[in-house]
C-alpha atoms as a PDB file:
ATOM      1  CA  MET A   1     -26.113 -40.114 -29.648  1.00  0.00           C
ATOM      2  CA  ILE A   2     -23.688 -37.406 -28.801  1.00  0.00           C
ATOM      3  CA  THR A   3     -24.737 -33.911 -27.787  1.00  0.00           C
ATOM      4  CA  VAL A   4     -24.038 -30.487 -29.221  1.00  0.00           C
ATOM      5  CA  THR A   5     -22.323 -29.620 -25.939  1.00  0.00           C
ATOM      6  CA  ASP A   6     -19.937 -32.526 -26.599  1.00  0.00           C
ATOM      7  CA  ILE A   7     -18.774 -30.705 -29.739  1.00  0.00           C
ATOM      8  CA  LYS A   8     -17.875 -27.605 -27.739  1.00  0.00           C
ATOM      9  CA  GLN A   9     -16.193 -29.702 -25.034  1.00  0.00           C
ATOM     10  CA  TYR A  10     -14.208 -31.751 -27.565  1.00  0.00           C
ATOM     11  CA  MET A  11     -12.742 -28.566 -29.005  1.00  0.00           C
ATOM     12  CA  TYR A  12     -12.013 -27.190 -25.547  1.00  0.00           C
ATOM     13  CA  CYS A  13     -10.454 -30.420 -24.199  1.00  0.00           C
ATOM     14  CA  LYS A  14     -10.857 -33.917 -25.641  1.00  0.00           C
ATOM     15  CA  ARG A  15     -10.418 -35.406 -22.179  1.00  0.00           C
ATOM     16  CA  ILE A  16     -13.849 -34.123 -21.178  1.00  0.00           C
ATOM     17  CA  ILE A  17     -15.338 -36.485 -23.785  1.00  0.00           C
ATOM     18  CA  TYR A  18     -13.145 -39.322 -22.513  1.00  0.00           C
ATOM     19  CA  PHE A  19     -14.283 -38.812 -18.901  1.00  0.00           C
ATOM     20  CA  THR A  20     -17.915 -38.405 -19.963  1.00  0.00           C
ATOM     21  CA  TYR A  21     -18.218 -41.505 -22.152  1.00  0.00           C
ATOM     22  CA  CYS A  22     -15.284 -43.835 -21.458  1.00  0.00           C
ATOM     23  CA  MET A  23     -14.733 -43.378 -17.719  1.00  0.00           C
ATOM     24  CA  PRO A  24     -17.987 -41.965 -16.377  1.00  0.00           C
ATOM     25  CA  ILE A  25     -17.249 -40.483 -12.995  1.00  0.00           C
ATOM     26  CA  ILE A  26     -19.123 -38.309 -10.583  1.00  0.00           C
ATOM     27  CA  ARG A  27     -17.632 -34.894 -10.985  1.00  0.00           C
ATOM     28  CA  LYS A  28     -17.891 -31.925  -8.714  1.00  0.00           C
ATOM     29  CA  LYS A  29     -19.491 -28.854 -10.222  1.00  0.00           C
ATOM     30  CA  THR A  30     -17.100 -25.946 -10.146  1.00  0.00           C
ATOM     31  CA  TYR A  31     -17.926 -22.454  -8.968  1.00  0.00           C
ATOM     32  CA  LYS A  32     -17.878 -21.223 -12.570  1.00  0.00           C
ATOM     33  CA  MET A  33     -20.338 -23.945 -13.595  1.00  0.00           C
ATOM     34  CA  LYS A  34     -22.738 -23.113 -10.745  1.00  0.00           C
ATOM     35  CA  TYR A  35     -22.473 -19.379 -11.373  1.00  0.00           C
ATOM     36  CA  GLY A  36     -22.981 -19.813 -15.117  1.00  0.00           C
ATOM     37  CA  LYS A  37     -26.065 -21.985 -14.504  1.00  0.00           C
ATOM     38  CA  ARG A  38     -27.562 -19.381 -12.132  1.00  0.00           C
ATOM     39  CA  GLU A  39     -26.988 -16.600 -14.652  1.00  0.00           C
ATOM     40  CA  HIS A  40     -28.367 -18.709 -17.494  1.00  0.00           C
ATOM     41  CA  ASP A  41     -31.517 -19.432 -15.447  1.00  0.00           C
ATOM     42  CA  ARG A  42     -31.861 -15.734 -14.625  1.00  0.00           C
ATOM     43  CA  ASN A  43     -31.540 -14.873 -18.302  1.00  0.00           C
ATOM     44  CA  ASP A  44     -34.184 -17.497 -19.190  1.00  0.00           C
ATOM     45  CA  ARG A  45     -36.651 -15.670 -16.920  1.00  0.00           C
ATOM     46  CA  LEU A  46     -35.837 -12.256 -18.415  1.00  0.00           C
ATOM     47  CA  GLU A  47     -35.485 -13.161 -22.095  1.00  0.00           C
ATOM     48  CA  PRO A  48     -39.227 -13.305 -22.952  1.00  0.00           C
ATOM     49  CA  LYS A  49     -39.511  -9.626 -21.963  1.00  0.00           C
ATOM     50  CA  ARG A  50     -36.701  -8.524 -24.268  1.00  0.00           C
ATOM     51  CA  THR A  51     -36.993  -7.398 -27.858  1.00  0.00           C
ATOM     52  CA  LEU A  52     -35.102  -8.828 -30.820  1.00  0.00           C
ATOM     53  CA  LYS A  53     -33.117  -5.601 -31.250  1.00  0.00           C
ATOM     54  CA  ARG A  54     -30.327  -6.995 -29.067  1.00  0.00           C
ATOM     55  CA  TYR A  55     -29.794  -9.586 -31.817  1.00  0.00           C
ATOM     56  CA  GLY A  56     -29.926  -7.006 -34.603  1.00  0.00           C
ATOM     57  CA  LEU A  57     -33.364  -8.197 -35.733  1.00  0.00           C
ATOM     58  CA  GLU A  58     -36.638  -6.362 -36.172  1.00  0.00           C
ATOM     59  CA  ALA A  59     -39.199  -9.148 -36.010  1.00  0.00           C
ATOM     60  CA  GLY A  60     -39.605 -12.864 -35.455  1.00  0.00           C
ATOM     61  CA  GLU A  61     -41.014 -15.495 -33.154  1.00  0.00           C
ATOM     62  CA  LYS A  62     -38.831 -16.552 -30.220  1.00  0.00           C
ATOM     63  CA  ARG A  63     -38.806 -20.249 -29.309  1.00  0.00           C
ATOM     64  CA  TYR A  64     -37.006 -21.255 -26.112  1.00  0.00           C
ATOM     65  CA  GLY A  65     -35.342 -24.520 -25.126  1.00  0.00           C
ATOM     66  CA  VAL A  66     -35.904 -26.137 -28.514  1.00  0.00           C
ATOM     67  CA  GLU A  67     -35.100 -29.872 -28.388  1.00  0.00           C
ATOM     68  CA  LEU A  68     -33.461 -31.058 -31.600  1.00  0.00           C
ATOM     69  CA  ILE A  69     -32.362 -34.492 -32.771  1.00  0.00           C
ATOM     70  CA  SER A  70     -30.850 -35.880 -35.961  1.00  0.00           C
ATOM     71  CA  LYS A  71     -30.541 -39.615 -36.391  1.00  0.00           C
ATOM     72  CA  ARG A  72     -28.586 -38.967 -39.587  1.00  0.00           C
ATOM     73  CA  LEU A  73     -25.902 -37.053 -37.670  1.00  0.00           C
ATOM     74  CA  GLY A  74     -26.266 -39.068 -34.450  1.00  0.00           C
ATOM     75  CA  LEU A  75     -26.586 -35.736 -32.659  1.00  0.00           C
ATOM     76  CA  ARG A  76     -29.001 -34.126 -30.242  1.00  0.00           C
ATOM     77  CA  GLY A  77     -29.216 -30.883 -28.327  1.00  0.00           C
ATOM     78  CA  LYS A  78     -31.391 -28.353 -26.581  1.00  0.00           C
ATOM     79  CA  MET A  79     -30.991 -24.911 -28.116  1.00  0.00           C
ATOM     80  CA  ASP A  80     -31.228 -21.798 -25.949  1.00  0.00           C
ATOM     81  CA  LEU A  81     -33.250 -19.806 -28.453  1.00  0.00           C
ATOM     82  CA  LEU A  82     -34.505 -20.179 -31.997  1.00  0.00           C
ATOM     83  CA  ILE A  83     -35.822 -17.131 -33.833  1.00  0.00           C
ATOM     84  CA  VAL A  84     -38.224 -17.864 -36.672  1.00  0.00           C
ATOM     85  CA  GLN A  85     -38.924 -15.257 -39.360  1.00  0.00           C
ATOM     86  CA  GLU A  86     -41.458 -16.725 -41.787  1.00  0.00           C
ATOM     87  CA  LYS A  87     -39.438 -19.648 -43.250  1.00  0.00           C
ATOM     88  CA  LYS A  88     -36.079 -18.405 -41.975  1.00  0.00           C
ATOM     89  CA  TYR A  89     -34.551 -19.956 -38.836  1.00  0.00           C
ATOM     90  CA  ILE A  90     -31.852 -18.258 -36.744  1.00  0.00           C
ATOM     91  CA  PRO A  91     -30.314 -20.260 -33.872  1.00  0.00           C
ATOM     92  CA  VAL A  92     -29.139 -18.157 -30.931  1.00  0.00           C
ATOM     93  CA  GLU A  93     -26.615 -19.436 -28.402  1.00  0.00           C
ATOM     94  CA  LEU A  94     -26.511 -17.476 -25.133  1.00  0.00           C
ATOM     95  CA  LYS A  95     -23.174 -17.469 -23.317  1.00  0.00           C
ATOM     96  CA  TYR A  96     -22.262 -16.110 -19.929  1.00  0.00           C
ATOM     97  CA  SER A  97     -18.785 -14.936 -20.843  1.00  0.00           C
ATOM     98  CA  THR A  98     -16.859 -11.687 -20.969  1.00  0.00           C
ATOM     99  CA  ARG A  99     -14.539 -12.970 -23.720  1.00  0.00           C
ATOM    100  CA  ASP A 100     -15.314 -12.940 -27.419  1.00  0.00           C
ATOM    101  CA  PRO A 101     -16.725 -16.277 -28.615  1.00  0.00           C
ATOM    102  CA  GLY A 102     -14.082 -18.919 -29.212  1.00  0.00           C
ATOM    103  CA  LEU A 103     -13.945 -21.357 -32.088  1.00  0.00           C
ATOM    104  CA  HIS A 104     -15.502 -24.022 -29.848  1.00  0.00           C
ATOM    105  CA  HIS A 105     -18.571 -21.773 -29.428  1.00  0.00           C
ATOM    106  CA  LYS A 106     -18.843 -21.282 -33.199  1.00  0.00           C
ATOM    107  CA  TYR A 107     -18.712 -25.049 -33.772  1.00  0.00           C
ATOM    108  CA  GLN A 108     -21.394 -25.542 -31.129  1.00  0.00           C
ATOM    109  CA  LEU A 109     -23.612 -22.951 -32.840  1.00  0.00           C
ATOM    110  CA  SER A 110     -22.942 -24.541 -36.235  1.00  0.00           C
ATOM    111  CA  ALA A 111     -23.996 -27.936 -34.864  1.00  0.00           C
ATOM    112  CA  TYR A 112     -27.304 -26.416 -33.772  1.00  0.00           C
ATOM    113  CA  CYS A 113     -27.693 -25.004 -37.280  1.00  0.00           C
ATOM    114  CA  LEU A 114     -27.230 -28.499 -38.752  1.00  0.00           C
ATOM    115  CA  LEU A 115     -29.856 -29.854 -36.356  1.00  0.00           C
ATOM    116  CA  VAL A 116     -32.296 -27.082 -37.294  1.00  0.00           C
ATOM    117  CA  GLU A 117     -31.734 -27.876 -40.972  1.00  0.00           C
ATOM    118  CA  ASP A 118     -32.507 -31.562 -40.418  1.00  0.00           C
ATOM    119  CA  GLN A 119     -35.544 -30.974 -38.218  1.00  0.00           C
ATOM    120  CA  TYR A 120     -37.160 -28.168 -40.228  1.00  0.00           C
ATOM    121  CA  LYS A 121     -35.974 -29.187 -43.734  1.00  0.00           C
ATOM    122  CA  THR A 122     -34.447 -25.779 -44.353  1.00  0.00           C
ATOM    123  CA  ARG A 123     -31.090 -24.106 -44.940  1.00  0.00           C
ATOM    124  CA  VAL A 124     -29.634 -21.969 -42.145  1.00  0.00           C
ATOM    125  CA  ARG A 125     -27.408 -19.147 -43.328  1.00  0.00           C
ATOM    126  CA  LYS A 126     -26.444 -17.596 -39.997  1.00  0.00           C
ATOM    127  CA  GLY A 127     -26.558 -18.049 -36.263  1.00  0.00           C
ATOM    128  CA  ILE A 128     -26.032 -15.709 -33.350  1.00  0.00           C
ATOM    129  CA  ILE A 129     -23.891 -15.902 -30.237  1.00  0.00           C
ATOM    130  CA  HIS A 130     -24.974 -13.453 -27.558  1.00  0.00           C
ATOM    131  CA  LEU A 131     -22.734 -12.720 -24.579  1.00  0.00           C
ATOM    132  CA  ILE A 132     -25.092 -12.088 -21.678  1.00  0.00           C
ATOM    133  CA  PRO A 133     -22.925  -9.966 -19.354  1.00  0.00           C
ATOM    134  CA  ARG A 134     -21.477  -7.774 -22.109  1.00  0.00           C
ATOM    135  CA  LYS A 135     -24.747  -7.558 -24.036  1.00  0.00           C
ATOM    136  CA  ASP A 136     -22.716  -8.135 -27.200  1.00  0.00           C
ATOM    137  CA  THR A 137     -24.070 -10.048 -30.170  1.00  0.00           C
ATOM    138  CA  PHE A 138     -21.934 -11.852 -32.751  1.00  0.00           C
ATOM    139  CA  GLU A 139     -23.446 -12.971 -36.020  1.00  0.00           C
ATOM    140  CA  VAL A 140     -21.829 -16.134 -37.385  1.00  0.00           C
ATOM    141  CA  GLU A 141     -22.136 -17.029 -41.060  1.00  0.00           C
ATOM    142  CA  ILE A 142     -22.670 -20.769 -41.403  1.00  0.00           C
ATOM    143  CA  THR A 143     -20.258 -21.680 -44.178  1.00  0.00           C
ATOM    144  CA  ALA A 144     -19.623 -24.965 -45.949  1.00  0.00           C
ATOM    145  CA  ASN A 145     -16.299 -25.116 -44.113  1.00  0.00           C
ATOM    146  CA  LEU A 146     -17.984 -24.765 -40.693  1.00  0.00           C
ATOM    147  CA  ARG A 147     -20.483 -27.506 -41.590  1.00  0.00           C
ATOM    148  CA  ARG A 148     -17.688 -29.822 -42.732  1.00  0.00           C
ATOM    149  CA  LYS A 149     -15.639 -29.142 -39.589  1.00  0.00           C
ATOM    150  CA  VAL A 150     -18.601 -29.964 -37.326  1.00  0.00           C
ATOM    151  CA  LYS A 151     -19.083 -33.278 -39.130  1.00  0.00           C
ATOM    152  CA  ASP A 152     -15.357 -33.999 -38.726  1.00  0.00           C
ATOM    153  CA  ILE A 153     -15.615 -33.241 -35.006  1.00  0.00           C
ATOM    154  CA  ILE A 154     -18.590 -35.602 -34.655  1.00  0.00           C
ATOM    155  CA  LYS A 155     -16.505 -38.301 -36.327  1.00  0.00           C
ATOM    156  CA  GLY A 156     -13.550 -37.520 -34.040  1.00  0.00           C
ATOM    157  CA  ILE A 157     -15.739 -37.795 -30.939  1.00  0.00           C
ATOM    158  CA  ARG A 158     -17.024 -41.199 -32.044  1.00  0.00           C
ATOM    159  CA  GLU A 159     -13.479 -42.397 -32.736  1.00  0.00           C
ATOM    160  CA  LEU A 160     -12.325 -41.210 -29.306  1.00  0.00           C
ATOM    161  CA  ILE A 161     -15.220 -43.008 -27.599  1.00  0.00           C
ATOM    162  CA  ASP A 162     -14.610 -46.198 -29.603  1.00  0.00           C
ATOM    163  CA  SER A 163     -10.856 -46.216 -28.873  1.00  0.00           C
ATOM    164  CA  GLU A 164     -11.335 -45.583 -25.125  1.00  0.00           C
ATOM    165  CA  GLU A 165      -7.835 -44.061 -25.035  1.00  0.00           C
ATOM    166  CA  LEU A 166      -7.048 -41.075 -22.835  1.00  0.00           C
ATOM    167  CA  PRO A 167      -6.182 -38.144 -25.129  1.00  0.00           C
ATOM    168  CA  PRO A 168      -3.112 -36.014 -24.407  1.00  0.00           C
ATOM    169  CA  PRO A 169      -3.625 -32.968 -22.176  1.00  0.00           C
ATOM    170  CA  VAL A 170      -4.418 -29.587 -23.686  1.00  0.00           C
ATOM    171  CA  LYS A 171      -1.538 -27.255 -24.434  1.00  0.00           C
ATOM    172  CA  GLU A 172      -3.135 -24.279 -22.650  1.00  0.00           C
ATOM    173  CA  GLN A 173      -3.188 -25.837 -19.184  1.00  0.00           C
ATOM    174  CA  GLY A 174      -4.211 -22.583 -17.515  1.00  0.00           C
ATOM    175  CA  LYS A 175      -7.816 -23.476 -18.257  1.00  0.00           C
ATOM    176  CA  CYS A 176      -7.410 -26.780 -16.380  1.00  0.00           C
ATOM    177  CA  LYS A 177      -7.543 -25.179 -12.919  1.00  0.00           C
ATOM    178  CA  ASP A 178     -11.284 -24.499 -13.245  1.00  0.00           C
ATOM    179  CA  CYS A 179     -12.121 -27.865 -14.833  1.00  0.00           C
ATOM    180  CA  GLU A 180     -14.407 -30.318 -13.068  1.00  0.00           C
ATOM    181  CA  TYR A 181     -12.094 -33.163 -14.191  1.00  0.00           C
ATOM    182  CA  TYR A 182      -8.872 -31.561 -12.965  1.00  0.00           C
ATOM    183  CA  ASN A 183      -8.433 -34.084 -10.134  1.00  0.00           C
ATOM    184  CA  PHE A 184      -8.743 -37.022 -12.536  1.00  0.00           C
ATOM    185  CA  CYS A 185      -6.165 -36.035 -15.161  1.00  0.00           C
ATOM    186  CA  GLY A 186      -3.091 -36.478 -12.983  1.00  0.00           C
ATOM    187  CA  ASP A 187      -0.641 -35.018 -15.505  1.00  0.00           C
ATOM    188  CA  VAL A 188      -1.682 -31.377 -15.651  1.00  0.00           C
END
Protein backbone atom coordinates (compact mmCIF):
# COMPACT_ATOMS: atom_id res chain seq x y z
CA MET A 1 0.00 0.00 0.00
CA ILE A 2 1.12 3.49 -0.72
CA THR A 3 0.31 6.44 1.50
CA VAL A 4 -1.51 9.70 0.90
CA THR A 5 1.74 11.49 1.76
CA ASP A 6 3.36 9.61 -1.14
CA ILE A 7 0.93 11.37 -3.49
CA LYS A 8 2.04 14.79 -2.26
CA GLN A 9 5.71 13.77 -2.41
CA TYR A 10 5.38 12.33 -5.92
CA MET A 11 4.04 15.65 -7.17
CA TYR A 12 6.75 17.57 -5.33
CA CYS A 13 9.63 15.31 -6.47
CA LYS A 14 9.34 11.77 -7.84
CA ARG A 15 12.77 10.94 -6.45
CA ILE A 16 11.36 10.98 -2.92
CA ILE A 17 9.23 7.96 -3.89
CA TYR A 18 12.26 6.29 -5.47
CA PHE A 19 14.36 6.74 -2.31
CA THR A 20 11.48 5.67 -0.07
CA TYR A 21 10.53 2.45 -1.87
CA CYS A 22 13.34 1.45 -4.25
CA MET A 23 16.46 2.49 -2.32
CA PRO A 24 15.37 2.75 1.31
CA ILE A 25 17.99 4.77 3.11
CA ILE A 26 18.25 6.35 6.50
CA ARG A 27 17.67 10.01 5.91
CA LYS A 28 18.43 12.91 8.16
CA LYS A 29 15.45 14.99 9.20
CA THR A 30 15.89 18.56 8.09
CA TYR A 31 15.32 21.61 10.24
CA LYS A 32 12.11 22.37 8.33
CA MET A 33 10.83 18.84 8.96
CA LYS A 34 11.57 19.04 12.70
CA TYR A 35 10.07 22.52 12.99
CA GLY A 36 6.97 21.51 11.03
CA LYS A 37 6.49 18.44 13.26
CA ARG A 38 6.79 20.56 16.43
CA GLU A 39 4.24 23.06 15.13
CA HIS A 40 1.91 20.29 13.99
CA ASP A 41 2.09 18.69 17.46
CA ARG A 42 1.43 22.07 19.08
CA ASN A 43 -1.58 22.58 16.83
CA ASP A 44 -2.88 19.08 17.71
CA ARG A 45 -2.94 20.12 21.38
CA LEU A 46 -4.74 23.40 20.66
CA GLU A 47 -7.19 22.29 17.97
CA PRO A 48 -9.80 20.68 20.29
CA LYS A 49 -10.29 24.09 21.95
CA ARG A 50 -10.97 25.88 18.68
CA THR A 51 -14.32 26.41 17.01
CA LEU A 52 -15.23 25.46 13.45
CA LYS A 53 -15.51 29.12 12.42
CA ARG A 54 -11.88 29.10 11.27
CA TYR A 55 -12.98 26.60 8.61
CA GLY A 56 -16.05 28.62 7.64
CA LEU A 57 -18.40 26.13 9.32
CA GLU A 58 -21.03 26.58 11.99
CA ALA A 59 -21.41 23.08 13.40
CA GLY A 60 -20.05 19.56 13.18
CA GLU A 61 -18.16 16.87 15.03
CA LYS A 62 -14.36 17.02 14.87
CA ARG A 63 -12.50 13.72 14.54
CA TYR A 64 -8.71 13.81 14.85
CA GLY A 65 -6.05 11.51 13.40
CA VAL A 66 -8.54 9.44 11.43
CA GLU A 67 -6.87 6.30 10.02
CA LEU A 68 -8.19 5.45 6.56
CA ILE A 69 -7.49 2.55 4.22
CA SER A 70 -8.80 1.47 0.83
CA LYS A 71 -7.83 -1.91 -0.54
CA ARG A 72 -9.53 -0.95 -3.80
CA LEU A 73 -7.18 2.01 -4.26
CA GLY A 74 -4.20 0.38 -2.52
CA LEU A 75 -3.97 3.53 -0.43
CA ARG A 76 -3.82 4.40 3.25
CA GLY A 77 -3.41 7.53 5.31
CA LYS A 78 -3.95 9.26 8.61
CA MET A 79 -6.00 12.42 8.19
CA ASP A 80 -5.36 15.45 10.39
CA LEU A 81 -9.02 16.26 10.90
CA LEU A 82 -12.38 15.06 9.65
CA ILE A 83 -15.46 17.19 10.27
CA VAL A 84 -18.75 15.32 10.23
CA GLN A 85 -22.05 17.17 9.76
CA GLU A 86 -24.86 14.61 9.91
CA LYS A 87 -24.06 12.49 6.80
CA LYS A 88 -21.66 15.02 5.29
CA TYR A 89 -17.89 14.49 5.64
CA ILE A 90 -15.33 17.29 5.22
CA PRO A 91 -11.63 16.32 5.30
CA VAL A 92 -9.32 19.02 6.65
CA GLU A 93 -5.59 19.05 5.94
CA LEU A 94 -3.54 21.26 8.27
CA LYS A 95 -0.35 22.69 6.81
CA TYR A 96 2.41 24.66 8.46
CA SER A 97 3.16 26.92 5.52
CA THR A 98 3.08 30.61 4.73
CA ARG A 99 2.52 29.98 1.00
CA ASP A 100 -0.83 29.31 -0.62
CA PRO A 101 -1.50 25.57 -1.03
CA GLY A 102 0.22 24.04 -4.03
CA LEU A 103 -1.24 21.52 -6.42
CA HIS A 104 0.53 18.74 -4.51
CA HIS A 105 -1.44 19.73 -1.38
CA LYS A 106 -4.73 19.67 -3.32
CA TYR A 107 -3.96 16.17 -4.64
CA GLN A 108 -3.13 15.03 -1.12
CA LEU A 109 -6.45 16.41 0.16
CA SER A 110 -8.30 14.81 -2.76
CA ALA A 111 -6.73 11.44 -1.92
CA TYR A 112 -8.08 11.75 1.62
CA CYS A 113 -11.50 12.52 0.15
CA LEU A 114 -11.35 9.30 -1.90
CA LEU A 115 -10.43 7.35 1.23
CA VAL A 116 -13.30 8.91 3.18
CA GLU A 117 -15.68 7.98 0.36
CA ASP A 118 -14.52 4.35 0.43
CA GLN A 119 -14.56 4.02 4.21
CA TYR A 120 -17.86 5.80 4.89
CA LYS A 121 -19.71 4.90 1.64
CA THR A 122 -20.43 8.54 0.89
CA ARG A 123 -19.63 11.25 -1.64
CA VAL A 124 -17.30 14.07 -0.58
CA ARG A 125 -17.93 17.37 -2.34
CA LYS A 126 -15.25 19.52 -0.72
CA GLY A 127 -12.21 19.48 1.50
CA ILE A 128 -10.34 22.15 3.39
CA ILE A 129 -6.69 23.11 3.57
CA HIS A 130 -5.88 25.27 6.58
CA LEU A 131 -2.56 27.10 6.82
CA ILE A 132 -1.70 27.14 10.51
CA PRO A 133 0.64 30.15 10.74
CA ARG A 134 -1.45 32.40 8.49
CA LYS A 135 -4.77 31.19 9.89
CA ASP A 136 -6.03 31.05 6.30
CA THR A 137 -8.52 28.46 5.11
CA PHE A 138 -8.88 27.29 1.51
CA GLU A 139 -11.93 25.34 0.45
CA VAL A 140 -11.19 22.86 -2.35
CA GLU A 141 -13.99 21.51 -4.52
CA ILE A 142 -13.41 17.82 -5.19
CA THR A 143 -14.05 17.56 -8.91
CA ALA A 144 -14.12 14.56 -11.22
CA ASN A 145 -10.86 15.85 -12.70
CA LEU A 146 -9.15 15.93 -9.28
CA ARG A 147 -10.34 12.38 -8.54
CA ARG A 148 -9.06 11.14 -11.91
CA LYS A 149 -5.70 12.87 -11.43
CA VAL A 150 -5.22 11.28 -8.00
CA LYS A 151 -5.89 7.84 -9.48
CA ASP A 152 -3.38 8.59 -12.26
CA ILE A 153 -0.80 9.61 -9.65
CA ILE A 154 -1.37 6.37 -7.71
CA LYS A 155 -0.77 4.46 -10.94
CA GLY A 156 2.36 6.52 -11.65
CA ILE A 157 3.75 5.81 -8.18
CA ARG A 158 3.23 2.07 -8.65
CA GLU A 159 4.92 2.19 -12.06
CA LEU A 160 7.89 4.09 -10.61
CA ILE A 161 8.26 1.56 -7.79
CA ASP A 162 7.97 -1.39 -10.20
CA SER A 163 10.53 0.06 -12.64
CA GLU A 164 13.06 0.88 -9.88
CA GLU A 165 14.51 3.58 -12.15
CA LEU A 166 15.76 6.87 -10.74
CA PRO A 167 13.50 9.64 -12.09
CA PRO A 168 15.04 12.82 -13.52
CA PRO A 169 15.61 15.69 -11.08
CA VAL A 170 12.96 18.35 -10.59
CA LYS A 171 13.18 21.48 -12.70
CA GLU A 172 12.84 23.84 -9.72
CA GLN A 173 16.04 22.77 -7.96
CA GLY A 174 15.82 25.58 -5.42
CA LYS A 175 13.61 23.35 -3.31
CA CYS A 176 16.32 20.66 -3.27
CA LYS A 177 18.50 22.47 -0.72
CA ASP A 178 16.06 21.69 2.11
CA CYS A 179 15.39 18.10 1.02
CA GLU A 180 16.33 15.19 3.26
CA TYR A 181 17.53 13.29 0.15
CA TYR A 182 19.71 16.09 -1.21
CA ASN A 183 22.96 14.23 -0.43
CA PHE A 184 21.79 11.14 -2.32
CA CYS A 185 20.77 12.70 -5.64
CA GLY A 186 24.25 13.67 -6.79
CA ASP A 187 23.10 15.63 -9.84
CA VAL A 188 21.32 18.60 -8.28
